Amino acid sequence: MSIFLSYAYRDNDVIQKVRNHLVHNQIDVFDDRNDIAAGASLIRSINDAIDHSDTLLFFISGNSEKSIWMSQEISLAINKKMNGGEATLIPILLEKNAKTPFFLKDYLYLDLTDESNFDAVMDK
């Protein structure tokens, strides 16, 4: 199984906790901060990662609402789904009042707004 992480860099602390949990459970994780080499095309690398991921996690927060890159990643993922892609899209709510992007509203989300429930949420 391979998982693509889409998030705003300002949410990095919780994202690294998620990443570490997934890696600890022997799940292959794509995170652009760690997996794109210097000089590589960001758009091509992200598109390839989305194409080859089984699951795409979108972390929703006030920071993500302002992220142009996250909007681009959502568009690429939705386009993949509309063209017959099999990837599972999972929005993960980091803040109660954050607005879920329109194209992700159709998908059931996981709630990570209370980090004391971290393990229970990640086991889903």
N, C-alpha and C. Protein backbone atom coordinates (compact mmCIF):
# COMPACT_ATOMS: atom_id res chain seq x y z
N MET A 1 0.84 -1.18 0.00
CA MET A 1 0.00 0.00 0.00
C MET A 1 0.89 1.24 0.00
N SER A 2 0.49 2.23 -0.78
CA SER A 2 1.22 3.50 -0.80
C SER A 2 0.24 4.65 -0.56
N ILE A 3 0.70 5.62 0.22
CA ILE A 3 -0.15 6.74 0.61
C ILE A 3 0.52 8.06 0.24
N PHE A 4 -0.27 8.96 -0.33
CA PHE A 4 0.16 10.31 -0.69
C PHE A 4 -0.37 11.27 0.37
N LEU A 5 0.49 12.13 0.90
CA LEU A 5 0.10 13.12 1.89
C LEU A 5 0.00 14.50 1.24
N SER A 6 -1.16 15.13 1.36
CA SER A 6 -1.37 16.48 0.85
C SER A 6 -1.72 17.38 2.03
N TYR A 7 -0.91 18.41 2.25
CA TYR A 7 -1.08 19.25 3.43
C TYR A 7 -0.40 20.60 3.24
N ALA A 8 -0.74 21.53 4.11
CA ALA A 8 -0.06 22.83 4.15
C ALA A 8 1.18 22.67 5.03
N TYR A 9 2.29 23.25 4.59
CA TYR A 9 3.54 23.09 5.34
C TYR A 9 3.44 23.59 6.78
N ARG A 10 2.56 24.54 7.04
CA ARG A 10 2.40 25.05 8.41
C ARG A 10 1.81 24.01 9.35
N ASP A 11 1.27 22.94 8.81
CA ASP A 11 0.72 21.86 9.62
C ASP A 11 1.71 20.71 9.78
N ASN A 12 2.96 20.98 9.54
CA ASN A 12 3.99 19.95 9.47
C ASN A 12 4.09 19.08 10.73
N ASP A 13 3.90 19.65 11.92
CA ASP A 13 4.07 18.87 13.15
C ASP A 13 3.14 17.66 13.20
N VAL A 14 1.86 17.88 12.97
CA VAL A 14 0.91 16.75 13.01
C VAL A 14 1.13 15.83 11.81
N ILE A 15 1.52 16.39 10.67
CA ILE A 15 1.75 15.56 9.49
C ILE A 15 2.91 14.59 9.73
N GLN A 16 3.97 15.07 10.36
CA GLN A 16 5.11 14.20 10.63
C GLN A 16 4.73 13.09 11.61
N LYS A 17 3.83 13.39 12.53
CA LYS A 17 3.34 12.36 13.45
C LYS A 17 2.58 11.29 12.66
N VAL A 18 1.75 11.72 11.73
CA VAL A 18 1.00 10.78 10.88
C VAL A 18 1.98 9.97 10.03
N ARG A 19 2.92 10.66 9.40
CA ARG A 19 3.90 9.99 8.54
C ARG A 19 4.66 8.92 9.33
N ASN A 20 5.14 9.29 10.51
CA ASN A 20 5.90 8.35 11.33
C ASN A 20 5.05 7.13 11.70
N HIS A 21 3.78 7.36 12.01
CA HIS A 21 2.87 6.26 12.34
C HIS A 21 2.72 5.31 11.14
N LEU A 22 2.53 5.87 9.95
CA LEU A 22 2.37 5.05 8.75
C LEU A 22 3.64 4.27 8.43
N VAL A 23 4.78 4.94 8.48
CA VAL A 23 6.06 4.28 8.19
C VAL A 23 6.32 3.18 9.21
N HIS A 24 6.01 3.46 10.47
CA HIS A 24 6.18 2.45 11.53
C HIS A 24 5.35 1.20 11.23
N ASN A 25 4.21 1.40 10.58
CA ASN A 25 3.34 0.28 10.20
C ASN A 25 3.65 -0.25 8.80
N GLN A 26 4.84 0.05 8.32
CA GLN A 26 5.38 -0.44 7.05
C GLN A 26 4.53 -0.07 5.85
N ILE A 27 4.01 1.17 5.85
CA ILE A 27 3.25 1.69 4.73
C ILE A 27 4.14 2.68 3.99
N ASP A 28 4.18 2.55 2.68
CA ASP A 28 4.97 3.44 1.83
C ASP A 28 4.27 4.80 1.76
N VAL A 29 4.98 5.87 2.11
CA VAL A 29 4.40 7.20 2.17
C VAL A 29 5.14 8.15 1.23
N PHE A 30 4.36 8.91 0.44
CA PHE A 30 4.95 9.97 -0.38
C PHE A 30 4.64 11.30 0.29
N ASP A 31 5.70 12.04 0.58
CA ASP A 31 5.62 13.36 1.19
C ASP A 31 6.59 14.23 0.40
N ASP A 32 6.08 15.25 -0.27
CA ASP A 32 6.94 16.01 -1.18
C ASP A 32 8.16 16.61 -0.49
N ARG A 33 8.07 16.91 0.79
CA ARG A 33 9.23 17.47 1.50
C ARG A 33 10.37 16.47 1.59
N ASN A 34 10.05 15.20 1.63
CA ASN A 34 11.07 14.16 1.81
C ASN A 34 11.38 13.37 0.55
N ASP A 35 10.49 13.41 -0.44
CA ASP A 35 10.60 12.46 -1.54
C ASP A 35 10.81 13.05 -2.92
N ILE A 36 11.05 14.35 -3.00
CA ILE A 36 11.35 14.96 -4.30
C ILE A 36 12.77 15.49 -4.25
N ALA A 37 13.59 15.04 -5.19
CA ALA A 37 14.99 15.44 -5.22
C ALA A 37 15.15 16.87 -5.72
N ALA A 38 16.20 17.52 -5.29
CA ALA A 38 16.51 18.86 -5.77
C ALA A 38 16.65 18.83 -7.29
N GLY A 39 16.04 19.79 -7.95
CA GLY A 39 16.10 19.89 -9.40
C GLY A 39 15.00 19.14 -10.13
N ALA A 40 14.25 18.30 -9.42
CA ALA A 40 13.15 17.55 -10.05
C ALA A 40 11.95 18.48 -10.25
N SER A 41 11.16 18.19 -11.25
CA SER A 41 9.93 18.94 -11.50
C SER A 41 8.92 18.62 -10.40
N LEU A 42 8.46 19.65 -9.69
CA LEU A 42 7.48 19.44 -8.63
C LEU A 42 6.18 18.88 -9.18
N ILE A 43 5.67 19.51 -10.24
CA ILE A 43 4.39 19.10 -10.80
C ILE A 43 4.45 17.66 -11.31
N ARG A 44 5.49 17.32 -12.04
CA ARG A 44 5.62 15.95 -12.56
C ARG A 44 5.77 14.95 -11.41
N SER A 45 6.58 15.28 -10.42
CA SER A 45 6.79 14.37 -9.29
C SER A 45 5.51 14.14 -8.50
N ILE A 46 4.77 15.22 -8.25
CA ILE A 46 3.51 15.10 -7.51
C ILE A 46 2.48 14.33 -8.32
N ASN A 47 2.38 14.63 -9.61
CA ASN A 47 1.43 13.92 -10.47
C ASN A 47 1.75 12.42 -10.51
N ASP A 48 3.02 12.08 -10.66
CA ASP A 48 3.42 10.67 -10.67
C ASP A 48 3.09 9.99 -9.34
N ALA A 49 3.34 10.70 -8.24
CA ALA A 49 3.05 10.13 -6.92
C ALA A 49 1.55 9.89 -6.74
N ILE A 50 0.73 10.84 -7.19
CA ILE A 50 -0.72 10.67 -7.11
C ILE A 50 -1.15 9.48 -7.96
N ASP A 51 -0.59 9.37 -9.16
CA ASP A 51 -0.94 8.26 -10.06
C ASP A 51 -0.59 6.89 -9.47
N HIS A 52 0.46 6.83 -8.66
CA HIS A 52 0.94 5.55 -8.15
C HIS A 52 0.55 5.28 -6.70
N SER A 53 -0.29 6.13 -6.13
CA SER A 53 -0.71 5.94 -4.74
C SER A 53 -2.06 5.23 -4.66
N ASP A 54 -2.19 4.38 -3.67
CA ASP A 54 -3.45 3.68 -3.43
C ASP A 54 -4.43 4.55 -2.65
N THR A 55 -3.88 5.37 -1.77
CA THR A 55 -4.69 6.23 -0.91
C THR A 55 -4.09 7.62 -0.88
N LEU A 56 -4.97 8.62 -0.92
CA LEU A 56 -4.54 10.02 -0.88
C LEU A 56 -5.17 10.67 0.35
N LEU A 57 -4.33 11.16 1.25
CA LEU A 57 -4.81 11.81 2.47
C LEU A 57 -4.70 13.32 2.30
N PHE A 58 -5.81 14.02 2.51
CA PHE A 58 -5.84 15.48 2.39
C PHE A 58 -6.13 16.06 3.77
N PHE A 59 -5.16 16.78 4.33
CA PHE A 59 -5.26 17.33 5.67
C PHE A 59 -5.87 18.73 5.60
N ILE A 60 -7.06 18.87 6.21
CA ILE A 60 -7.85 20.09 6.09
C ILE A 60 -7.67 20.96 7.33
N SER A 61 -7.25 22.21 7.09
CA SER A 61 -7.04 23.17 8.18
C SER A 61 -7.20 24.58 7.61
N GLY A 62 -7.14 25.56 8.49
CA GLY A 62 -7.13 26.94 8.02
C GLY A 62 -5.94 27.20 7.12
N ASN A 63 -4.82 26.56 7.40
CA ASN A 63 -3.63 26.71 6.57
C ASN A 63 -3.84 26.11 5.18
N SER A 64 -4.50 24.97 5.12
CA SER A 64 -4.69 24.31 3.82
C SER A 64 -5.63 25.10 2.92
N GLU A 65 -6.54 25.87 3.53
CA GLU A 65 -7.46 26.69 2.74
C GLU A 65 -6.70 27.70 1.88
N LYS A 66 -5.51 28.08 2.33
CA LYS A 66 -4.71 29.10 1.64
C LYS A 66 -3.63 28.49 0.74
N SER A 67 -3.53 27.18 0.72
CA SER A 67 -2.44 26.52 0.00
C SER A 67 -2.77 26.29 -1.47
N ILE A 68 -2.04 26.96 -2.34
CA ILE A 68 -2.23 26.78 -3.78
C ILE A 68 -1.83 25.36 -4.19
N TRP A 69 -0.75 24.85 -3.63
CA TRP A 69 -0.28 23.51 -3.98
C TRP A 69 -1.30 22.45 -3.59
N MET A 70 -1.92 22.62 -2.43
CA MET A 70 -2.91 21.63 -2.02
C MET A 70 -4.11 21.65 -2.95
N SER A 71 -4.52 22.82 -3.39
CA SER A 71 -5.62 22.91 -4.38
C SER A 71 -5.24 22.17 -5.66
N GLN A 72 -4.00 22.32 -6.08
CA GLN A 72 -3.51 21.64 -7.28
C GLN A 72 -3.55 20.12 -7.09
N GLU A 73 -3.11 19.66 -5.92
CA GLU A 73 -3.09 18.23 -5.63
C GLU A 73 -4.52 17.66 -5.59
N ILE A 74 -5.45 18.41 -5.03
CA ILE A 74 -6.85 17.97 -5.02
C ILE A 74 -7.36 17.85 -6.45
N SER A 75 -7.06 18.84 -7.28
CA SER A 75 -7.50 18.80 -8.69
C SER A 75 -6.93 17.58 -9.41
N LEU A 76 -5.66 17.31 -9.21
CA LEU A 76 -5.04 16.15 -9.85
C LEU A 76 -5.69 14.85 -9.38
N ALA A 77 -5.97 14.75 -8.08
CA ALA A 77 -6.59 13.54 -7.53
C ALA A 77 -8.01 13.34 -8.04
N ILE A 78 -8.79 14.42 -8.08
CA ILE A 78 -10.17 14.32 -8.56
C ILE A 78 -10.17 13.94 -10.04
N ASN A 79 -9.27 14.52 -10.80
CA ASN A 79 -9.14 14.19 -12.22
C ASN A 79 -8.82 12.71 -12.39
N LYS A 80 -7.92 12.20 -11.56
CA LYS A 80 -7.58 10.78 -11.61
C LYS A 80 -8.82 9.92 -11.33
N LYS A 81 -9.59 10.28 -10.30
CA LYS A 81 -10.80 9.52 -9.96
C LYS A 81 -11.82 9.56 -11.10
N MET A 82 -11.99 10.73 -11.70
CA MET A 82 -12.97 10.88 -12.77
C MET A 82 -12.58 10.10 -14.02
N ASN A 83 -11.29 9.81 -14.15
CA ASN A 83 -10.81 9.05 -15.30
C ASN A 83 -10.60 7.57 -14.95
N GLY A 84 -11.32 7.10 -13.94
CA GLY A 84 -11.29 5.68 -13.62
C GLY A 84 -10.25 5.25 -12.62
N GLY A 85 -9.55 6.19 -12.00
CA GLY A 85 -8.54 5.84 -11.01
C GLY A 85 -9.15 5.15 -9.80
N GLU A 86 -8.40 4.26 -9.21
CA GLU A 86 -8.90 3.44 -8.10
C GLU A 86 -8.50 3.96 -6.73
N ALA A 87 -7.75 5.04 -6.65
CA ALA A 87 -7.26 5.53 -5.36
C ALA A 87 -8.41 5.93 -4.44
N THR A 88 -8.20 5.71 -3.16
CA THR A 88 -9.14 6.14 -2.13
C THR A 88 -8.75 7.54 -1.66
N LEU A 89 -9.70 8.46 -1.63
CA LEU A 89 -9.46 9.83 -1.17
C LEU A 89 -10.03 9.98 0.22
N ILE A 90 -9.20 10.44 1.15
CA ILE A 90 -9.65 10.60 2.54
C ILE A 90 -9.27 11.99 3.04
N PRO A 91 -10.27 12.86 3.25
CA PRO A 91 -9.99 14.13 3.91
C PRO A 91 -9.79 13.87 5.41
N ILE A 92 -8.84 14.58 6.01
CA ILE A 92 -8.60 14.47 7.45
C ILE A 92 -8.70 15.87 8.04
N LEU A 93 -9.67 16.07 8.90
CA LEU A 93 -9.93 17.37 9.49
C LEU A 93 -8.97 17.61 10.65
N LEU A 94 -8.20 18.71 10.56
CA LEU A 94 -7.26 19.07 11.62
C LEU A 94 -7.81 20.15 12.53
N GLU A 95 -8.76 20.94 12.03
CA GLU A 95 -9.36 22.03 12.80
C GLU A 95 -10.87 21.99 12.59
N LYS A 96 -11.62 22.14 13.68
CA LYS A 96 -13.09 22.05 13.62
C LYS A 96 -13.71 23.02 12.61
N ASN A 97 -13.21 24.23 12.54
CA ASN A 97 -13.84 25.26 11.71
C ASN A 97 -13.25 25.36 10.30
N ALA A 98 -12.33 24.48 9.97
CA ALA A 98 -11.73 24.52 8.63
C ALA A 98 -12.76 24.12 7.58
N LYS A 99 -12.68 24.76 6.43
CA LYS A 99 -13.61 24.48 5.34
C LYS A 99 -13.06 23.38 4.45
N THR A 100 -13.85 22.34 4.29
CA THR A 100 -13.46 21.26 3.39
C THR A 100 -13.61 21.74 1.95
N PRO A 101 -12.58 21.58 1.13
CA PRO A 101 -12.68 21.99 -0.27
C PRO A 101 -13.87 21.30 -0.96
N PHE A 102 -14.51 22.02 -1.85
CA PHE A 102 -15.73 21.56 -2.51
C PHE A 102 -15.61 20.14 -3.05
N PHE A 103 -14.54 19.83 -3.77
CA PHE A 103 -14.41 18.53 -4.42
C PHE A 103 -14.14 17.39 -3.44
N LEU A 104 -13.87 17.71 -2.18
CA LEU A 104 -13.66 16.65 -1.18
C LEU A 104 -14.87 16.46 -0.28
N LYS A 105 -15.88 17.30 -0.42
CA LYS A 105 -17.06 17.22 0.45
C LYS A 105 -17.84 15.92 0.27
N ASP A 106 -17.67 15.27 -0.86
CA ASP A 106 -18.38 14.03 -1.14
C ASP A 106 -17.78 12.83 -0.40
N TYR A 107 -16.60 13.00 0.19
CA TYR A 107 -15.89 11.89 0.82
C TYR A 107 -15.98 11.99 2.34
N LEU A 108 -16.24 10.86 2.99
CA LEU A 108 -16.26 10.84 4.45
C LEU A 108 -14.87 11.17 4.97
N TYR A 109 -14.82 11.95 6.02
CA TYR A 109 -13.54 12.40 6.55
C TYR A 109 -13.20 11.73 7.88
N LEU A 110 -11.93 11.79 8.22
CA LEU A 110 -11.46 11.39 9.54
C LEU A 110 -11.25 12.67 10.35
N ASP A 111 -11.51 12.61 11.64
CA ASP A 111 -11.41 13.78 12.51
C ASP A 111 -10.19 13.67 13.41
N LEU A 112 -9.18 14.51 13.11
CA LEU A 112 -7.97 14.55 13.93
C LEU A 112 -7.90 15.88 14.70
N THR A 113 -9.04 16.49 14.96
CA THR A 113 -9.04 17.77 15.66
C THR A 113 -8.67 17.61 17.13
N ASP A 114 -8.84 16.42 17.67
CA ASP A 114 -8.46 16.13 19.05
C ASP A 114 -7.34 15.10 19.00
N GLU A 115 -6.11 15.56 19.21
CA GLU A 115 -4.95 14.66 19.07
C GLU A 115 -4.92 13.54 20.11
N SER A 116 -5.75 13.65 21.15
CA SER A 116 -5.79 12.55 22.13
C SER A 116 -6.43 11.30 21.51
N ASN A 117 -7.12 11.48 20.39
CA ASN A 117 -7.73 10.35 19.67
C ASN A 117 -6.86 9.88 18.50
N PHE A 118 -5.62 10.31 18.46
CA PHE A 118 -4.74 10.05 17.32
C PHE A 118 -4.69 8.56 16.96
N ASP A 119 -4.38 7.71 17.91
CA ASP A 119 -4.22 6.28 17.61
C ASP A 119 -5.52 5.66 17.09
N ALA A 120 -6.64 6.02 17.69
CA ALA A 120 -7.93 5.47 17.25
C ALA A 120 -8.25 5.91 15.82
N VAL A 121 -7.97 7.16 15.50
CA VAL A 121 -8.23 7.67 14.15
C VAL A 121 -7.31 7.00 13.15
N MET A 122 -6.04 6.87 13.49
CA MET A 122 -5.08 6.28 12.56
C MET A 122 -5.33 4.80 12.33
N ASP A 123 -5.96 4.13 13.25
CA ASP A 123 -6.28 2.72 13.07
C ASP A 123 -7.41 2.50 12.07
N LYS A 124 -8.14 3.57 11.75
CA LYS A 124 -9.23 3.46 10.77
C LYS A 124 -8.64 3.39 9.40
